[in-house]
Amino acid sequence: MTERPAPIQVPFRLGEILVDPGRGTLSRGTMSRRLEPRVMDVLCTLAAHAGEGVRREVLLDAVWGDIIGNDEALTRAVSRLRAEMRAFGSEALVETLPKRGYRLTCAAVELESQGESRRIAGPDRSRFRLAWVWGIAVITVVAV
């Protein structure tokens, strides 16, 4: 049997959204929403691998484990997660990788007890900035 990836169990931030796995809540400012346990587990598993694709089978194993979970249950959990994120004004934090799985598109930053934080996982923004600059350069050359 393969090892299950460990979802994040401590509070962390996704942009301006505070995720508290212990309480099962998302909050931003004065707004707070409670997530269903499996939806929170999906989010925490994706956050542990932010910026990377997580295969559907890995998510099913991590969240449902030995209980029979299926693709439809995972699809519903991701749909519910997206709906909750939209309530906070965050549209595209969970990207679908067709026929493969899902990816959390922003960095997850773990909150530590002394108010410090450390990046858990997430895309390296310097690569995106470089790609953006190259994209602008190509558009400029093509336009000329």
N, C-alpha and C. Protein backbone atom coordinates (compact mmCIF):
# COMPACT_ATOMS: atom_id res chain seq x y z
N MET A 1 0.85 -1.19 0.00
CA MET A 1 0.00 0.00 0.00
C MET A 1 0.88 1.24 0.00
N THR A 2 0.51 2.23 -0.79
CA THR A 2 1.31 3.44 -0.87
C THR A 2 0.98 4.37 0.29
N GLU A 3 1.95 5.21 0.64
CA GLU A 3 1.74 6.17 1.71
C GLU A 3 0.79 7.25 1.24
N ARG A 4 -0.09 7.68 2.13
CA ARG A 4 -1.00 8.78 1.82
C ARG A 4 -0.28 10.09 2.05
N PRO A 5 -0.45 11.06 1.13
CA PRO A 5 0.17 12.37 1.37
C PRO A 5 -0.50 13.02 2.56
N ALA A 6 0.28 13.67 3.40
CA ALA A 6 -0.26 14.30 4.60
C ALA A 6 -0.83 15.67 4.27
N PRO A 7 -2.11 15.87 4.54
CA PRO A 7 -2.66 17.21 4.34
C PRO A 7 -2.14 18.14 5.44
N ILE A 8 -2.16 19.42 5.20
CA ILE A 8 -1.74 20.40 6.18
C ILE A 8 -2.73 20.37 7.34
N GLN A 9 -2.22 20.39 8.57
CA GLN A 9 -3.08 20.34 9.76
C GLN A 9 -3.04 21.61 10.59
N VAL A 10 -2.20 22.57 10.24
CA VAL A 10 -2.08 23.81 11.00
C VAL A 10 -2.70 24.95 10.19
N PRO A 11 -3.10 26.04 10.85
CA PRO A 11 -3.66 27.17 10.11
C PRO A 11 -2.67 27.70 9.06
N PHE A 12 -3.22 28.11 7.93
CA PHE A 12 -2.39 28.67 6.85
C PHE A 12 -3.19 29.68 6.06
N ARG A 13 -2.49 30.46 5.26
CA ARG A 13 -3.13 31.46 4.42
C ARG A 13 -3.02 31.09 2.95
N LEU A 14 -4.08 31.39 2.24
CA LEU A 14 -4.10 31.34 0.78
C LEU A 14 -4.44 32.76 0.35
N GLY A 15 -3.43 33.54 0.04
CA GLY A 15 -3.66 34.95 -0.23
C GLY A 15 -4.18 35.61 1.04
N GLU A 16 -5.37 36.21 0.96
CA GLU A 16 -5.95 36.88 2.13
C GLU A 16 -6.89 35.97 2.92
N ILE A 17 -7.07 34.74 2.47
CA ILE A 17 -7.98 33.81 3.14
C ILE A 17 -7.21 33.02 4.19
N LEU A 18 -7.72 33.03 5.42
CA LEU A 18 -7.14 32.24 6.50
C LEU A 18 -7.87 30.91 6.55
N VAL A 19 -7.12 29.82 6.48
CA VAL A 19 -7.69 28.47 6.53
C VAL A 19 -7.30 27.87 7.88
N ASP A 20 -8.30 27.44 8.64
CA ASP A 20 -8.05 26.80 9.94
C ASP A 20 -8.59 25.38 9.89
N PRO A 21 -7.74 24.40 9.56
CA PRO A 21 -8.20 23.01 9.44
C PRO A 21 -8.80 22.46 10.73
N GLY A 22 -8.24 22.85 11.88
CA GLY A 22 -8.75 22.36 13.16
C GLY A 22 -10.19 22.76 13.41
N ARG A 23 -10.53 23.97 13.04
CA ARG A 23 -11.91 24.45 13.20
C ARG A 23 -12.77 24.19 11.97
N GLY A 24 -12.11 23.87 10.86
CA GLY A 24 -12.84 23.61 9.62
C GLY A 24 -13.38 24.88 9.00
N THR A 25 -12.65 26.00 9.16
CA THR A 25 -13.18 27.28 8.69
C THR A 25 -12.25 27.98 7.71
N LEU A 26 -12.88 28.81 6.89
CA LEU A 26 -12.19 29.78 6.04
C LEU A 26 -12.63 31.13 6.56
N SER A 27 -11.71 32.09 6.62
CA SER A 27 -12.12 33.43 7.04
C SER A 27 -11.28 34.48 6.34
N ARG A 28 -11.89 35.64 6.23
CA ARG A 28 -11.23 36.81 5.63
C ARG A 28 -11.90 38.02 6.24
N GLY A 29 -11.14 38.79 6.99
CA GLY A 29 -11.73 39.93 7.68
C GLY A 29 -12.77 39.44 8.68
N THR A 30 -13.98 39.97 8.57
CA THR A 30 -15.05 39.57 9.50
C THR A 30 -15.87 38.40 8.97
N MET A 31 -15.63 37.99 7.73
CA MET A 31 -16.40 36.89 7.14
C MET A 31 -15.76 35.55 7.47
N SER A 32 -16.59 34.60 7.88
CA SER A 32 -16.09 33.26 8.19
C SER A 32 -17.10 32.24 7.69
N ARG A 33 -16.59 31.14 7.14
CA ARG A 33 -17.45 30.07 6.63
C ARG A 33 -16.87 28.73 7.06
N ARG A 34 -17.75 27.81 7.41
CA ARG A 34 -17.34 26.47 7.82
C ARG A 34 -17.42 25.55 6.59
N LEU A 35 -16.37 24.74 6.42
CA LEU A 35 -16.33 23.77 5.33
C LEU A 35 -16.69 22.39 5.86
N GLU A 36 -17.30 21.60 5.00
CA GLU A 36 -17.54 20.19 5.33
C GLU A 36 -16.17 19.53 5.50
N PRO A 37 -16.05 18.53 6.39
CA PRO A 37 -14.75 17.91 6.67
C PRO A 37 -14.01 17.40 5.43
N ARG A 38 -14.69 16.73 4.53
CA ARG A 38 -14.00 16.20 3.35
C ARG A 38 -13.57 17.31 2.40
N VAL A 39 -14.36 18.37 2.32
CA VAL A 39 -13.98 19.52 1.48
C VAL A 39 -12.72 20.17 2.06
N MET A 40 -12.67 20.31 3.39
CA MET A 40 -11.48 20.86 4.04
C MET A 40 -10.27 19.95 3.80
N ASP A 41 -10.48 18.64 3.86
CA ASP A 41 -9.38 17.69 3.61
C ASP A 41 -8.85 17.81 2.18
N VAL A 42 -9.75 18.01 1.23
CA VAL A 42 -9.32 18.21 -0.16
C VAL A 42 -8.46 19.48 -0.24
N LEU A 43 -8.94 20.57 0.36
CA LEU A 43 -8.20 21.83 0.34
C LEU A 43 -6.82 21.67 0.99
N CYS A 44 -6.78 21.03 2.15
CA CYS A 44 -5.50 20.87 2.86
C CYS A 44 -4.53 19.98 2.10
N THR A 45 -5.04 18.98 1.41
CA THR A 45 -4.17 18.12 0.60
C THR A 45 -3.62 18.89 -0.59
N LEU A 46 -4.48 19.66 -1.25
CA LEU A 46 -4.01 20.49 -2.37
C LEU A 46 -3.00 21.53 -1.88
N ALA A 47 -3.25 22.12 -0.71
CA ALA A 47 -2.35 23.15 -0.17
C ALA A 47 -0.98 22.57 0.15
N ALA A 48 -0.93 21.32 0.58
CA ALA A 48 0.35 20.69 0.88
C ALA A 48 1.20 20.54 -0.38
N HIS A 49 0.55 20.62 -1.54
CA HIS A 49 1.24 20.49 -2.83
C HIS A 49 0.91 21.68 -3.74
N ALA A 50 0.74 22.86 -3.14
CA ALA A 50 0.33 24.05 -3.91
C ALA A 50 1.26 24.28 -5.09
N GLY A 51 0.65 24.58 -6.21
CA GLY A 51 1.43 24.82 -7.43
C GLY A 51 1.73 23.56 -8.21
N GLU A 52 1.53 22.40 -7.60
CA GLU A 52 1.78 21.13 -8.26
C GLU A 52 0.45 20.46 -8.57
N GLY A 53 0.42 19.66 -9.61
CA GLY A 53 -0.76 18.88 -9.89
C GLY A 53 -0.88 17.72 -8.91
N VAL A 54 -2.09 17.48 -8.43
CA VAL A 54 -2.34 16.34 -7.54
C VAL A 54 -3.34 15.44 -8.26
N ARG A 55 -2.93 14.21 -8.52
CA ARG A 55 -3.78 13.27 -9.25
C ARG A 55 -5.05 12.95 -8.48
N ARG A 56 -6.10 12.69 -9.20
CA ARG A 56 -7.39 12.35 -8.60
C ARG A 56 -7.26 11.17 -7.65
N GLU A 57 -6.50 10.15 -8.08
CA GLU A 57 -6.34 8.95 -7.26
C GLU A 57 -5.67 9.28 -5.92
N VAL A 58 -4.71 10.19 -5.96
CA VAL A 58 -4.01 10.60 -4.74
C VAL A 58 -4.97 11.33 -3.81
N LEU A 59 -5.78 12.21 -4.36
CA LEU A 59 -6.77 12.92 -3.54
C LEU A 59 -7.79 11.95 -2.94
N LEU A 60 -8.26 11.02 -3.75
CA LEU A 60 -9.22 10.03 -3.24
C LEU A 60 -8.61 9.22 -2.10
N ASP A 61 -7.36 8.81 -2.27
CA ASP A 61 -6.69 8.03 -1.24
C ASP A 61 -6.45 8.86 0.02
N ALA A 62 -6.02 10.12 -0.15
CA ALA A 62 -5.71 10.98 1.00
C ALA A 62 -6.96 11.37 1.77
N VAL A 63 -8.05 11.64 1.08
CA VAL A 63 -9.25 12.15 1.73
C VAL A 63 -10.21 11.04 2.15
N TRP A 64 -10.43 10.07 1.28
CA TRP A 64 -11.38 9.02 1.60
C TRP A 64 -10.72 7.78 2.16
N GLY A 65 -9.43 7.60 1.87
CA GLY A 65 -8.68 6.47 2.41
C GLY A 65 -9.32 5.13 2.07
N ASP A 66 -9.53 4.32 3.09
CA ASP A 66 -10.08 2.99 2.89
C ASP A 66 -11.59 3.00 2.66
N ILE A 67 -12.22 4.14 2.96
CA ILE A 67 -13.65 4.26 2.68
C ILE A 67 -13.79 4.44 1.18
N ILE A 68 -14.80 3.85 0.64
CA ILE A 68 -14.96 3.92 -0.81
C ILE A 68 -15.37 5.34 -1.21
N GLY A 69 -14.45 6.01 -1.88
CA GLY A 69 -14.71 7.31 -2.46
C GLY A 69 -14.65 7.14 -3.96
N ASN A 70 -15.35 7.97 -4.70
CA ASN A 70 -15.30 7.83 -6.15
C ASN A 70 -15.08 9.18 -6.80
N ASP A 71 -14.89 9.15 -8.09
CA ASP A 71 -14.64 10.39 -8.83
C ASP A 71 -15.75 11.41 -8.63
N GLU A 72 -16.98 10.94 -8.58
CA GLU A 72 -18.11 11.85 -8.42
C GLU A 72 -18.06 12.57 -7.07
N ALA A 73 -17.69 11.84 -6.01
CA ALA A 73 -17.58 12.45 -4.68
C ALA A 73 -16.48 13.51 -4.68
N LEU A 74 -15.35 13.22 -5.33
CA LEU A 74 -14.26 14.19 -5.42
C LEU A 74 -14.68 15.41 -6.23
N THR A 75 -15.34 15.19 -7.34
CA THR A 75 -15.81 16.30 -8.17
C THR A 75 -16.75 17.20 -7.39
N ARG A 76 -17.67 16.60 -6.61
CA ARG A 76 -18.60 17.40 -5.78
C ARG A 76 -17.84 18.18 -4.72
N ALA A 77 -16.84 17.56 -4.09
CA ALA A 77 -16.06 18.25 -3.05
C ALA A 77 -15.30 19.44 -3.64
N VAL A 78 -14.71 19.27 -4.81
CA VAL A 78 -13.99 20.37 -5.46
C VAL A 78 -14.97 21.47 -5.87
N SER A 79 -16.13 21.10 -6.36
CA SER A 79 -17.15 22.07 -6.73
C SER A 79 -17.59 22.88 -5.51
N ARG A 80 -17.78 22.21 -4.40
CA ARG A 80 -18.17 22.88 -3.15
C ARG A 80 -17.05 23.82 -2.67
N LEU A 81 -15.80 23.36 -2.78
CA LEU A 81 -14.65 24.17 -2.40
C LEU A 81 -14.59 25.44 -3.24
N ARG A 82 -14.79 25.30 -4.54
CA ARG A 82 -14.79 26.47 -5.43
C ARG A 82 -15.90 27.44 -5.07
N ALA A 83 -17.07 26.92 -4.74
CA ALA A 83 -18.19 27.78 -4.33
C ALA A 83 -17.84 28.57 -3.07
N GLU A 84 -17.21 27.92 -2.12
CA GLU A 84 -16.81 28.60 -0.88
C GLU A 84 -15.75 29.66 -1.17
N MET A 85 -14.81 29.35 -2.05
CA MET A 85 -13.77 30.32 -2.40
C MET A 85 -14.38 31.53 -3.11
N ARG A 86 -15.38 31.29 -3.97
CA ARG A 86 -16.05 32.40 -4.66
C ARG A 86 -16.71 33.34 -3.67
N ALA A 87 -17.21 32.80 -2.56
CA ALA A 87 -17.83 33.64 -1.53
C ALA A 87 -16.84 34.66 -0.97
N PHE A 88 -15.55 34.35 -1.06
CA PHE A 88 -14.49 35.25 -0.60
C PHE A 88 -13.90 36.07 -1.74
N GLY A 89 -14.46 35.93 -2.93
CA GLY A 89 -13.96 36.68 -4.08
C GLY A 89 -12.75 36.05 -4.74
N SER A 90 -12.47 34.80 -4.44
CA SER A 90 -11.33 34.10 -5.04
C SER A 90 -11.86 33.08 -6.04
N GLU A 91 -11.79 33.43 -7.29
CA GLU A 91 -12.40 32.60 -8.33
C GLU A 91 -11.59 31.37 -8.71
N ALA A 92 -10.33 31.55 -9.04
CA ALA A 92 -9.61 30.47 -9.71
C ALA A 92 -8.47 29.89 -8.88
N LEU A 93 -8.71 29.59 -7.63
CA LEU A 93 -7.63 29.03 -6.81
C LEU A 93 -7.43 27.55 -7.08
N VAL A 94 -8.47 26.86 -7.54
CA VAL A 94 -8.35 25.43 -7.81
C VAL A 94 -8.51 25.21 -9.31
N GLU A 95 -7.43 24.78 -9.92
CA GLU A 95 -7.41 24.55 -11.36
C GLU A 95 -7.63 23.07 -11.66
N THR A 96 -8.47 22.78 -12.64
CA THR A 96 -8.68 21.40 -13.08
C THR A 96 -7.61 21.04 -14.09
N LEU A 97 -7.00 19.90 -13.89
CA LEU A 97 -6.06 19.35 -14.86
C LEU A 97 -6.82 18.20 -15.54
N PRO A 98 -7.39 18.46 -16.72
CA PRO A 98 -8.28 17.48 -17.34
C PRO A 98 -7.72 16.06 -17.38
N LYS A 99 -8.55 15.14 -16.94
CA LYS A 99 -8.27 13.70 -16.92
C LYS A 99 -7.10 13.32 -16.00
N ARG A 100 -6.62 14.29 -15.19
CA ARG A 100 -5.51 14.00 -14.29
C ARG A 100 -5.84 14.31 -12.85
N GLY A 101 -6.20 15.56 -12.56
CA GLY A 101 -6.44 15.93 -11.18
C GLY A 101 -6.67 17.41 -11.02
N TYR A 102 -6.11 17.98 -9.94
CA TYR A 102 -6.33 19.38 -9.61
C TYR A 102 -5.03 20.01 -9.13
N ARG A 103 -5.00 21.36 -9.18
CA ARG A 103 -3.84 22.09 -8.70
C ARG A 103 -4.32 23.35 -7.99
N LEU A 104 -3.74 23.62 -6.83
CA LEU A 104 -3.97 24.88 -6.13
C LEU A 104 -3.02 25.89 -6.74
N THR A 105 -3.55 27.02 -7.22
CA THR A 105 -2.74 27.94 -8.02
C THR A 105 -2.03 29.02 -7.22
N CYS A 106 -2.22 29.06 -5.90
CA CYS A 106 -1.51 30.06 -5.11
C CYS A 106 -0.71 29.37 -4.00
N ALA A 107 0.22 30.09 -3.43
CA ALA A 107 1.05 29.54 -2.37
C ALA A 107 0.25 29.40 -1.07
N ALA A 108 0.57 28.37 -0.32
CA ALA A 108 0.01 28.18 1.02
C ALA A 108 1.08 28.59 2.01
N VAL A 109 0.73 29.51 2.90
CA VAL A 109 1.70 30.03 3.87
C VAL A 109 1.24 29.63 5.27
N GLU A 110 2.03 28.79 5.91
CA GLU A 110 1.70 28.27 7.24
C GLU A 110 1.88 29.37 8.28
N LEU A 111 0.93 29.49 9.20
CA LEU A 111 1.02 30.46 10.28
C LEU A 111 1.60 29.76 11.49
N GLU A 112 2.65 30.31 12.02
CA GLU A 112 3.30 29.72 13.19
C GLU A 112 2.89 30.48 14.45
N SER A 113 3.12 29.89 15.59
CA SER A 113 2.63 30.41 16.86
C SER A 113 3.16 31.80 17.21
N GLN A 114 4.37 32.17 16.82
CA GLN A 114 4.91 33.49 17.17
C GLN A 114 4.54 34.55 16.15
N GLY A 115 3.55 34.31 15.33
CA GLY A 115 3.14 35.29 14.35
C GLY A 115 3.99 35.28 13.10
N GLU A 116 5.00 34.41 13.08
CA GLU A 116 5.82 34.29 11.88
C GLU A 116 5.09 33.37 10.92
N SER A 117 5.51 33.39 9.69
CA SER A 117 4.90 32.48 8.72
C SER A 117 5.99 31.92 7.83
N ARG A 118 5.69 30.76 7.27
CA ARG A 118 6.64 30.18 6.31
C ARG A 118 5.84 29.59 5.17
N ARG A 119 6.42 29.68 4.01
CA ARG A 119 5.76 29.17 2.81
C ARG A 119 5.80 27.65 2.85
N ILE A 120 4.64 27.03 2.69
CA ILE A 120 4.55 25.58 2.68
C ILE A 120 4.84 25.08 1.29
N ALA A 121 4.08 25.57 0.36
CA ALA A 121 4.23 25.15 -1.02
C ALA A 121 3.58 26.21 -1.88
N GLY A 122 3.98 26.22 -3.13
CA GLY A 122 3.34 27.15 -4.05
C GLY A 122 4.24 27.48 -5.21
N PRO A 123 3.64 28.07 -6.22
CA PRO A 123 4.40 28.38 -7.42
C PRO A 123 5.45 29.45 -7.15
N ASP A 124 6.56 29.34 -7.84
CA ASP A 124 7.63 30.32 -7.76
C ASP A 124 7.23 31.50 -8.65
N ARG A 125 6.89 32.61 -8.03
CA ARG A 125 6.39 33.77 -8.77
C ARG A 125 7.43 34.37 -9.72
N SER A 126 8.72 34.21 -9.44
CA SER A 126 9.73 34.78 -10.32
C SER A 126 9.65 34.17 -11.72
N ARG A 127 9.32 32.88 -11.79
CA ARG A 127 9.17 32.23 -13.12
C ARG A 127 8.00 32.84 -13.86
N PHE A 128 6.89 33.13 -13.14
CA PHE A 128 5.72 33.70 -13.79
C PHE A 128 6.00 35.12 -14.28
N ARG A 129 6.74 35.90 -13.48
CA ARG A 129 7.10 37.25 -13.91
C ARG A 129 7.95 37.21 -15.17
N LEU A 130 8.93 36.29 -15.22
CA LEU A 130 9.78 36.15 -16.38
C LEU A 130 8.95 35.76 -17.61
N ALA A 131 8.01 34.82 -17.44
CA ALA A 131 7.15 34.41 -18.55
C ALA A 131 6.30 35.58 -19.02
N TRP A 132 5.83 36.40 -18.09
CA TRP A 132 5.00 37.55 -18.43
C TRP A 132 5.81 38.54 -19.25
N VAL A 133 7.05 38.82 -18.81
CA VAL A 133 7.92 39.75 -19.53
C VAL A 133 8.19 39.23 -20.94
N TRP A 134 8.47 37.93 -21.07
CA TRP A 134 8.70 37.35 -22.40
C TRP A 134 7.45 37.46 -23.26
N GLY A 135 6.29 37.24 -22.65
CA GLY A 135 5.03 37.35 -23.39
C GLY A 135 4.82 38.74 -23.94
N ILE A 136 5.09 39.77 -23.13
CA ILE A 136 4.97 41.15 -23.58
C ILE A 136 5.97 41.44 -24.70
N ALA A 137 7.19 40.92 -24.56
CA ALA A 137 8.21 41.14 -25.59
C ALA A 137 7.78 40.52 -26.91
N VAL A 138 7.22 39.31 -26.86
CA VAL A 138 6.78 38.64 -28.09
C VAL A 138 5.63 39.41 -28.74
N ILE A 139 4.68 39.87 -27.94
CA ILE A 139 3.55 40.62 -28.48
C ILE A 139 4.05 41.91 -29.13
N THR A 140 5.01 42.58 -28.49
CA THR A 140 5.56 43.81 -29.03
C THR A 140 6.25 43.57 -30.37
N VAL A 141 7.04 42.51 -30.46
CA VAL A 141 7.75 42.18 -31.70
C VAL A 141 6.77 41.84 -32.80
N VAL A 142 5.74 41.04 -32.47
CA VAL A 142 4.75 40.64 -33.47
C VAL A 142 3.95 41.85 -33.94
N ALA A 143 3.62 42.76 -33.03
CA ALA A 143 2.85 43.93 -33.39
C ALA A 143 3.63 44.88 -34.30
N VAL A 144 4.94 44.89 -34.16
CA VAL A 144 5.79 45.78 -34.97
C VAL A 144 5.98 45.15 -36.30
